[in-house]
Amino acid sequence: MPSLEQVCKRLFSDSSWILKAIVGALLIIVPVAHFLAFGYLYALIEQARRGEVLEFPEWGDWRRLFMTGIAAFLIFLVLGVGPIVVAWLLVWPLQFVFNYGAFIYLPVVPAVMLAGPLTVAGIYQYQKQEEFRDAFRLPILVAMLRSTKSYFWVPTFALIGFLVAGYPLMTFTVFVGLSVSWTFYTVSFRFVEESRKSAVRP
């Protein structure tokens, strides 16, 4: 099982990754064009799911990037943003009842921690047949998270710390952070999936 450090070394081994990431950082803040950035993240997940070389791919095939980006963004909204919004709406009224300050939002933390892995799990399943129903099969997604829970805590905390530390370069930080963390989650899912396949082979 590759570590977060190993994934980073592979992704950043090509010196052109900075220019590729800058393009993604610019696109991700432009309405409609942000679908291209999500299409690029989709491509990163796809190459990791297939066991291909981990690297920032070239920008190209803009039509496919746009279409897959729409799918990735919708899955991200439902599985990534959705749980955080729901958790926040549930605890928000409590601030008028209990005087615990910022601690009142602690129940939101699990939703934040699961947002990334859950999104990638959904995209991972969607890519197999490009069917949206596969992306939202909660029993399967939960099983994927349970099987890899020991792998995604560190990269998730690392992503949060990276976003905080890199706040001045927010869009660049967000794009690079998502690229690395989503690739790592995918590698984790593939590792578990391949291990299970090997275990059932005679």
C-alpha atoms as a PDB file:
ATOM      1  CA  MET A   1       0.000   0.000   0.000  1.00  0.00           C
ATOM      2  CA  PRO A   2       1.664   3.248  -1.156  1.00  0.00           C
ATOM      3  CA  SER A   3       1.963   5.896   1.538  1.00  0.00           C
ATOM      4  CA  LEU A   4       0.914   9.530   1.177  1.00  0.00           C
ATOM      5  CA  GLU A   5       4.573  10.428   0.838  1.00  0.00           C
ATOM      6  CA  GLN A   6       5.050   7.969  -2.015  1.00  0.00           C
ATOM      7  CA  VAL A   7       1.979   9.267  -3.837  1.00  0.00           C
ATOM      8  CA  CYS A   8       3.272  12.847  -3.502  1.00  0.00           C
ATOM      9  CA  LYS A   9       6.705  11.866  -4.830  1.00  0.00           C
ATOM     10  CA  ARG A  10       5.161  10.224  -7.882  1.00  0.00           C
ATOM     11  CA  LEU A  11       2.775  13.075  -8.633  1.00  0.00           C
ATOM     12  CA  PHE A  12       5.464  15.732  -8.210  1.00  0.00           C
ATOM     13  CA  SER A  13       8.259  13.841  -9.974  1.00  0.00           C
ATOM     14  CA  ASP A  14       7.497  15.662 -13.230  1.00  0.00           C
ATOM     15  CA  SER A  15       8.615  19.297 -13.019  1.00  0.00           C
ATOM     16  CA  SER A  16       5.732  20.368 -15.289  1.00  0.00           C
ATOM     17  CA  TRP A  17       3.193  19.595 -12.543  1.00  0.00           C
ATOM     18  CA  ILE A  18       3.332  23.208 -11.347  1.00  0.00           C
ATOM     19  CA  LEU A  19       2.167  24.606 -14.688  1.00  0.00           C
ATOM     20  CA  LYS A  20      -0.561  21.953 -14.951  1.00  0.00           C
ATOM     21  CA  ALA A  21      -1.731  22.777 -11.428  1.00  0.00           C
ATOM     22  CA  ILE A  22      -1.755  26.513 -12.160  1.00  0.00           C
ATOM     23  CA  VAL A  23      -4.111  25.890 -15.097  1.00  0.00           C
ATOM     24  CA  GLY A  24      -6.408  23.904 -12.799  1.00  0.00           C
ATOM     25  CA  ALA A  25      -6.205  26.584 -10.104  1.00  0.00           C
ATOM     26  CA  LEU A  26      -7.314  29.241 -12.588  1.00  0.00           C
ATOM     27  CA  LEU A  27     -10.115  27.150 -14.080  1.00  0.00           C
ATOM     28  CA  ILE A  28     -11.567  26.026 -10.753  1.00  0.00           C
ATOM     29  CA  ILE A  29     -12.587  29.601  -9.813  1.00  0.00           C
ATOM     30  CA  VAL A  30     -14.282  30.408 -13.128  1.00  0.00           C
ATOM     31  CA  PRO A  31     -17.978  29.461 -13.366  1.00  0.00           C
ATOM     32  CA  VAL A  32     -18.635  26.761 -15.998  1.00  0.00           C
ATOM     33  CA  ALA A  33     -14.882  26.478 -16.661  1.00  0.00           C
ATOM     34  CA  HIS A  34     -14.602  24.881 -13.228  1.00  0.00           C
ATOM     35  CA  PHE A  35     -16.093  21.747 -14.795  1.00  0.00           C
ATOM     36  CA  LEU A  36     -12.830  21.373 -16.726  1.00  0.00           C
ATOM     37  CA  ALA A  37     -10.887  21.429 -13.450  1.00  0.00           C
ATOM     38  CA  PHE A  38     -13.149  18.753 -12.000  1.00  0.00           C
ATOM     39  CA  GLY A  39     -12.740  16.765 -15.210  1.00  0.00           C
ATOM     40  CA  TYR A  40      -9.009  16.871 -14.617  1.00  0.00           C
ATOM     41  CA  LEU A  41      -9.494  15.604 -11.057  1.00  0.00           C
ATOM     42  CA  TYR A  42     -11.721  12.884 -12.549  1.00  0.00           C
ATOM     43  CA  ALA A  43      -8.842  11.916 -14.854  1.00  0.00           C
ATOM     44  CA  LEU A  44      -6.456  11.700 -11.896  1.00  0.00           C
ATOM     45  CA  ILE A  45      -8.842   9.311 -10.139  1.00  0.00           C
ATOM     46  CA  GLU A  46      -9.277   7.287 -13.325  1.00  0.00           C
ATOM     47  CA  GLN A  47      -5.563   6.722 -13.886  1.00  0.00           C
ATOM     48  CA  ALA A  48      -5.058   5.758 -10.224  1.00  0.00           C
ATOM     49  CA  ARG A  49      -8.052   3.387 -10.319  1.00  0.00           C
ATOM     50  CA  ARG A  50      -6.596   1.640 -13.361  1.00  0.00           C
ATOM     51  CA  GLY A  51      -3.185   1.307 -11.741  1.00  0.00           C
ATOM     52  CA  GLU A  52      -1.504   3.582 -14.265  1.00  0.00           C
ATOM     53  CA  VAL A  53       1.494   5.827 -13.572  1.00  0.00           C
ATOM     54  CA  LEU A  54       0.661   8.450 -10.963  1.00  0.00           C
ATOM     55  CA  GLU A  55       1.328  11.834 -12.516  1.00  0.00           C
ATOM     56  CA  PHE A  56      -0.413  15.053 -13.421  1.00  0.00           C
ATOM     57  CA  PRO A  57      -1.745  14.265 -16.918  1.00  0.00           C
ATOM     58  CA  GLU A  58      -1.532  16.651 -19.818  1.00  0.00           C
ATOM     59  CA  TRP A  59      -4.398  19.055 -20.348  1.00  0.00           C
ATOM     60  CA  GLY A  60      -6.293  18.034 -23.446  1.00  0.00           C
ATOM     61  CA  ASP A  61      -9.491  16.493 -24.826  1.00  0.00           C
ATOM     62  CA  TRP A  62     -11.401  19.443 -23.417  1.00  0.00           C
ATOM     63  CA  ARG A  63     -14.783  18.056 -24.406  1.00  0.00           C
ATOM     64  CA  ARG A  64     -14.266  14.908 -22.334  1.00  0.00           C
ATOM     65  CA  LEU A  65     -12.849  16.917 -19.437  1.00  0.00           C
ATOM     66  CA  PHE A  66     -15.953  19.088 -19.470  1.00  0.00           C
ATOM     67  CA  MET A  67     -18.410  16.185 -19.561  1.00  0.00           C
ATOM     68  CA  THR A  68     -16.647  14.096 -16.929  1.00  0.00           C
ATOM     69  CA  GLY A  69     -16.158  17.263 -14.902  1.00  0.00           C
ATOM     70  CA  ILE A  70     -19.914  17.808 -14.724  1.00  0.00           C
ATOM     71  CA  ALA A  71     -20.348  14.277 -13.389  1.00  0.00           C
ATOM     72  CA  ALA A  72     -17.519  14.648 -10.871  1.00  0.00           C
ATOM     73  CA  PHE A  73     -18.851  17.997  -9.677  1.00  0.00           C
ATOM     74  CA  LEU A  74     -22.376  16.657  -9.169  1.00  0.00           C
ATOM     75  CA  ILE A  75     -21.037  13.718  -7.174  1.00  0.00           C
ATOM     76  CA  PHE A  76     -18.885  16.140  -5.169  1.00  0.00           C
ATOM     77  CA  LEU A  77     -21.934  18.302  -4.382  1.00  0.00           C
ATOM     78  CA  VAL A  78     -24.008  15.352  -3.184  1.00  0.00           C
ATOM     79  CA  LEU A  79     -21.391  13.281  -1.354  1.00  0.00           C
ATOM     80  CA  GLY A  80     -18.898  15.969  -0.375  1.00  0.00           C
ATOM     81  CA  VAL A  81     -20.714  19.234   0.194  1.00  0.00           C
ATOM     82  CA  GLY A  82     -24.103  17.701   1.032  1.00  0.00           C
ATOM     83  CA  PRO A  83     -23.165  15.971   4.314  1.00  0.00           C
ATOM     84  CA  ILE A  84     -21.317  19.077   5.548  1.00  0.00           C
ATOM     85  CA  VAL A  85     -24.310  21.325   4.835  1.00  0.00           C
ATOM     86  CA  VAL A  86     -26.722  18.892   6.485  1.00  0.00           C
ATOM     87  CA  ALA A  87     -24.497  18.579   9.574  1.00  0.00           C
ATOM     88  CA  TRP A  88     -24.123  22.353   9.806  1.00  0.00           C
ATOM     89  CA  LEU A  89     -27.879  22.920   9.500  1.00  0.00           C
ATOM     90  CA  LEU A  90     -28.500  20.406  12.289  1.00  0.00           C
ATOM     91  CA  VAL A  91     -26.102  22.027  14.762  1.00  0.00           C
ATOM     92  CA  TRP A  92     -26.631  25.677  13.805  1.00  0.00           C
ATOM     93  CA  PRO A  93     -29.828  26.145  15.888  1.00  0.00           C
ATOM     94  CA  LEU A  94     -27.985  24.761  18.938  1.00  0.00           C
ATOM     95  CA  GLN A  95     -25.874  27.904  19.203  1.00  0.00           C
ATOM     96  CA  PHE A  96     -28.980  29.725  20.425  1.00  0.00           C
ATOM     97  CA  VAL A  97     -29.584  27.082  23.106  1.00  0.00           C
ATOM     98  CA  PHE A  98     -26.090  26.216  24.337  1.00  0.00           C
ATOM     99  CA  ASN A  99     -23.285  28.676  24.991  1.00  0.00           C
ATOM    100  CA  TYR A 100     -20.342  26.503  23.926  1.00  0.00           C
ATOM    101  CA  GLY A 101     -18.898  28.816  21.284  1.00  0.00           C
ATOM    102  CA  ALA A 102     -17.100  27.111  18.432  1.00  0.00           C
ATOM    103  CA  PHE A 103     -17.395  23.740  20.207  1.00  0.00           C
ATOM    104  CA  ILE A 104     -21.036  23.627  19.160  1.00  0.00           C
ATOM    105  CA  TYR A 105     -19.828  22.790  15.640  1.00  0.00           C
ATOM    106  CA  LEU A 106     -17.818  19.714  16.644  1.00  0.00           C
ATOM    107  CA  PRO A 107     -20.510  17.385  15.206  1.00  0.00           C
ATOM    108  CA  VAL A 108     -19.660  18.859  11.778  1.00  0.00           C
ATOM    109  CA  VAL A 109     -16.101  17.486  11.982  1.00  0.00           C
ATOM    110  CA  PRO A 110     -17.012  13.893  10.968  1.00  0.00           C
ATOM    111  CA  ALA A 111     -18.795  15.214   7.880  1.00  0.00           C
ATOM    112  CA  VAL A 112     -15.725  17.260   6.936  1.00  0.00           C
ATOM    113  CA  MET A 113     -13.440  14.263   7.471  1.00  0.00           C
ATOM    114  CA  LEU A 114     -15.608  11.980   5.319  1.00  0.00           C
ATOM    115  CA  ALA A 115     -16.338  14.466   2.523  1.00  0.00           C
ATOM    116  CA  GLY A 116     -13.201  13.720   0.489  1.00  0.00           C
ATOM    117  CA  PRO A 117     -13.073   9.919   0.773  1.00  0.00           C
ATOM    118  CA  LEU A 118     -16.832   9.640   0.224  1.00  0.00           C
ATOM    119  CA  THR A 119     -16.674  11.795  -2.906  1.00  0.00           C
ATOM    120  CA  VAL A 120     -13.810   9.762  -4.342  1.00  0.00           C
ATOM    121  CA  ALA A 121     -15.588   6.500  -3.494  1.00  0.00           C
ATOM    122  CA  GLY A 122     -18.610   7.738  -5.444  1.00  0.00           C
ATOM    123  CA  ILE A 123     -16.534   8.771  -8.460  1.00  0.00           C
ATOM    124  CA  TYR A 124     -14.596   5.493  -8.250  1.00  0.00           C
ATOM    125  CA  GLN A 125     -17.811   3.496  -8.535  1.00  0.00           C
ATOM    126  CA  TYR A 126     -19.265   5.824 -11.193  1.00  0.00           C
ATOM    127  CA  GLN A 127     -16.234   5.343 -13.449  1.00  0.00           C
ATOM    128  CA  LYS A 128     -16.778   1.603 -13.751  1.00  0.00           C
ATOM    129  CA  GLN A 129     -19.861   1.983 -15.973  1.00  0.00           C
ATOM    130  CA  GLU A 130     -20.446   5.757 -15.849  1.00  0.00           C
ATOM    131  CA  GLU A 131     -23.825   5.263 -14.187  1.00  0.00           C
ATOM    132  CA  PHE A 132     -24.888   7.801 -11.554  1.00  0.00           C
ATOM    133  CA  ARG A 133     -26.795   5.169  -9.609  1.00  0.00           C
ATOM    134  CA  ASP A 134     -23.488   3.404  -8.949  1.00  0.00           C
ATOM    135  CA  ALA A 135     -22.050   6.576  -7.452  1.00  0.00           C
ATOM    136  CA  PHE A 136     -24.755   6.755  -4.792  1.00  0.00           C
ATOM    137  CA  ARG A 137     -25.039   3.146  -3.626  1.00  0.00           C
ATOM    138  CA  LEU A 138     -24.512   3.999   0.027  1.00  0.00           C
ATOM    139  CA  PRO A 139     -23.982   0.429   1.306  1.00  0.00           C
ATOM    140  CA  ILE A 140     -21.112  -0.022  -1.153  1.00  0.00           C
ATOM    141  CA  LEU A 141     -19.635   3.407  -0.400  1.00  0.00           C
ATOM    142  CA  VAL A 142     -19.796   2.807   3.349  1.00  0.00           C
ATOM    143  CA  ALA A 143     -18.106  -0.577   2.890  1.00  0.00           C
ATOM    144  CA  MET A 144     -15.334   1.119   0.900  1.00  0.00           C
ATOM    145  CA  LEU A 145     -14.784   3.693   3.633  1.00  0.00           C
ATOM    146  CA  ARG A 146     -14.754   1.049   6.347  1.00  0.00           C
ATOM    147  CA  SER A 147     -12.210  -1.047   4.481  1.00  0.00           C
ATOM    148  CA  THR A 148      -9.824   1.904   4.046  1.00  0.00           C
ATOM    149  CA  LYS A 149     -10.495   3.937   7.193  1.00  0.00           C
ATOM    150  CA  SER A 150      -6.979   3.352   8.506  1.00  0.00           C
ATOM    151  CA  TYR A 151      -5.563   4.946   5.344  1.00  0.00           C
ATOM    152  CA  PHE A 152      -7.468   8.187   4.889  1.00  0.00           C
ATOM    153  CA  TRP A 153      -7.270   9.868   8.316  1.00  0.00           C
ATOM    154  CA  VAL A 154      -3.712  11.145   7.862  1.00  0.00           C
ATOM    155  CA  PRO A 155      -4.155  12.501   4.307  1.00  0.00           C
ATOM    156  CA  THR A 156      -7.431  14.158   5.301  1.00  0.00           C
ATOM    157  CA  PHE A 157      -5.792  15.943   8.234  1.00  0.00           C
ATOM    158  CA  ALA A 158      -2.866  16.780   5.969  1.00  0.00           C
ATOM    159  CA  LEU A 159      -5.235  18.292   3.399  1.00  0.00           C
ATOM    160  CA  ILE A 160      -6.921  20.458   6.024  1.00  0.00           C
ATOM    161  CA  GLY A 161      -3.546  21.622   7.330  1.00  0.00           C
ATOM    162  CA  PHE A 162      -2.318  22.287   3.781  1.00  0.00           C
ATOM    163  CA  LEU A 163      -5.397  24.381   2.986  1.00  0.00           C
ATOM    164  CA  VAL A 164      -4.952  26.427   6.164  1.00  0.00           C
ATOM    165  CA  ALA A 165      -1.210  26.927   5.659  1.00  0.00           C
ATOM    166  CA  GLY A 166      -1.624  27.755   1.976  1.00  0.00           C
ATOM    167  CA  TYR A 167      -4.517  30.179   2.423  1.00  0.00           C
ATOM    168  CA  PRO A 168      -2.796  33.059   0.556  1.00  0.00           C
ATOM    169  CA  LEU A 169      -2.626  30.865  -2.564  1.00  0.00           C
ATOM    170  CA  MET A 170      -6.087  29.449  -1.985  1.00  0.00           C
ATOM    171  CA  THR A 171      -7.144  28.261  -5.453  1.00  0.00           C
ATOM    172  CA  PHE A 172      -3.728  26.733  -6.181  1.00  0.00           C
ATOM    173  CA  THR A 173      -3.703  25.133  -2.734  1.00  0.00           C
ATOM    174  CA  VAL A 174      -7.215  23.748  -3.192  1.00  0.00           C
ATOM    175  CA  PHE A 175      -6.472  22.249  -6.601  1.00  0.00           C
ATOM    176  CA  VAL A 176      -3.169  20.662  -5.554  1.00  0.00           C
ATOM    177  CA  GLY A 177      -4.653  19.471  -2.257  1.00  0.00           C
ATOM    178  CA  LEU A 178      -7.595  17.823  -3.998  1.00  0.00           C
ATOM    179  CA  SER A 179      -5.325  16.296  -6.636  1.00  0.00           C
ATOM    180  CA  VAL A 180      -3.079  14.655  -4.061  1.00  0.00           C
ATOM    181  CA  SER A 181      -5.747  13.580  -1.572  1.00  0.00           C
ATOM    182  CA  TRP A 182      -8.185  12.270  -4.199  1.00  0.00           C
ATOM    183  CA  THR A 183      -5.368  10.310  -5.863  1.00  0.00           C
ATOM    184  CA  PHE A 184      -4.343   8.830  -2.507  1.00  0.00           C
ATOM    185  CA  TYR A 185      -7.919   7.817  -1.637  1.00  0.00           C
ATOM    186  CA  THR A 186      -8.216   6.133  -5.046  1.00  0.00           C
ATOM    187  CA  VAL A 187      -4.955   4.244  -4.573  1.00  0.00           C
ATOM    188  CA  SER A 188      -6.261   3.068  -1.189  1.00  0.00           C
ATOM    189  CA  PHE A 189      -9.548   1.838  -2.656  1.00  0.00           C
ATOM    190  CA  ARG A 190      -7.739   0.059  -5.485  1.00  0.00           C
ATOM    191  CA  PHE A 191      -5.284  -1.555  -3.068  1.00  0.00           C
ATOM    192  CA  VAL A 192      -8.109  -3.024  -0.986  1.00  0.00           C
ATOM    193  CA  GLU A 193     -10.043  -4.090  -4.101  1.00  0.00           C
ATOM    194  CA  GLU A 194      -7.029  -5.831  -5.650  1.00  0.00           C
ATOM    195  CA  SER A 195      -6.147  -7.495  -2.327  1.00  0.00           C
ATOM    196  CA  ARG A 196      -9.623  -8.993  -2.124  1.00  0.00           C
ATOM    197  CA  LYS A 197      -9.469 -10.221  -5.709  1.00  0.00           C
ATOM    198  CA  SER A 198      -6.138 -11.905  -5.007  1.00  0.00           C
ATOM    199  CA  ALA A 199      -7.553 -13.538  -1.874  1.00  0.00           C
ATOM    200  CA  VAL A 200     -10.400 -15.255  -3.758  1.00  0.00           C
ATOM    201  CA  ARG A 201      -8.241 -16.538  -6.619  1.00  0.00           C
ATOM    202  CA  PRO A 202      -7.405 -20.277  -6.401  1.00  0.00           C
END
